[in-house]
Structure formats: C-alpha cells, structure tokens
Protein backbone atom coordinates (compact mmCIF):
# COMPACT_ATOMS: atom_id res chain seq x y z
CA UNK A 1 69.55 -70.71 21.22
CA UNK A 2 70.11 -74.37 20.81
CA UNK A 3 68.55 -77.02 22.99
CA UNK A 4 68.51 -80.81 23.56
CA UNK A 5 65.75 -82.22 25.70
CA UNK A 6 65.99 -85.73 27.21
CA UNK A 7 63.02 -87.99 27.82
CA UNK A 8 63.89 -88.00 31.48
CA UNK A 9 63.21 -84.30 31.69
CA UNK A 10 66.77 -83.05 31.53
CA UNK A 11 67.47 -80.26 29.01
CA UNK A 12 70.62 -78.54 27.91
CA UNK A 13 70.67 -75.04 26.30
CA UNK A 14 73.51 -73.08 24.82
CA UNK A 15 74.41 -70.90 21.86
CA UNK A 16 77.44 -73.24 21.40
CA UNK A 17 76.80 -76.54 19.58
CA UNK A 18 79.99 -77.96 21.00
CA UNK A 19 78.92 -77.02 24.57
CA UNK A 20 75.58 -78.77 24.16
CA UNK A 21 77.22 -81.90 22.67
CA UNK A 22 79.68 -82.02 25.64
CA UNK A 23 76.92 -81.42 28.26
CA UNK A 24 74.58 -84.00 26.76
CA UNK A 25 77.25 -86.65 26.45
CA UNK A 26 78.13 -86.09 30.16
CA UNK A 27 74.46 -86.35 31.10
CA UNK A 28 74.08 -89.62 29.18
CA UNK A 29 77.27 -91.05 30.70
CA UNK A 30 76.05 -90.32 34.28
CA UNK A 31 72.25 -90.79 34.04
CA UNK A 32 71.91 -93.27 31.16
CA UNK A 33 75.10 -95.32 31.17
CA UNK A 34 73.37 -98.15 29.25
CA UNK A 35 72.95 -95.82 26.33
CA UNK A 36 76.34 -94.12 26.48
CA UNK A 37 78.12 -96.48 24.01
CA UNK A 38 75.54 -95.68 21.24
CA UNK A 39 75.30 -91.90 21.83
CA UNK A 40 78.05 -90.26 19.83
CA UNK A 41 78.62 -86.52 19.22
CA UNK A 42 77.02 -86.86 15.80
CA UNK A 43 73.91 -88.45 17.41
CA UNK A 44 73.64 -85.56 19.85
CA UNK A 45 73.97 -83.09 16.99
CA UNK A 46 70.95 -84.71 15.44
CA UNK A 47 68.96 -84.04 18.58
CA UNK A 48 69.69 -80.32 18.68
CA UNK A 49 66.71 -78.01 18.25
CA UNK A 50 66.70 -74.30 17.65
CA UNK A 51 64.56 -72.50 20.24
CA UNK A 52 63.78 -68.85 20.81
C-alpha cells in the first residue's frame, strides 16, 4: 500500500501511484491553494511512502 500524509492531517492511500498523485493534487488545490502552483505530480511522487 502506498500513502501520502499531509501536515494538515489528511492522508491518501492506494495501491495505485497514479491514484495517489491525482488525489493529493486535488487535496492541495482545494485545501492548500497557495501551494498548488509548486506541487507537481513529480513532487507528490516524492512524498509517497510504502506502508503495510
């Protein structure tokens, strides 16, 4: 399982890296619009952790 956890407490989990990237980009756009311009798919991929 892959996961990205946001400092605000939000987390996204999926087996699909593409799904996590899409979900996190949507979260950033809605909840952290000031950061959205600097958060690219490659940035999100760097945040992905493998969890049990």
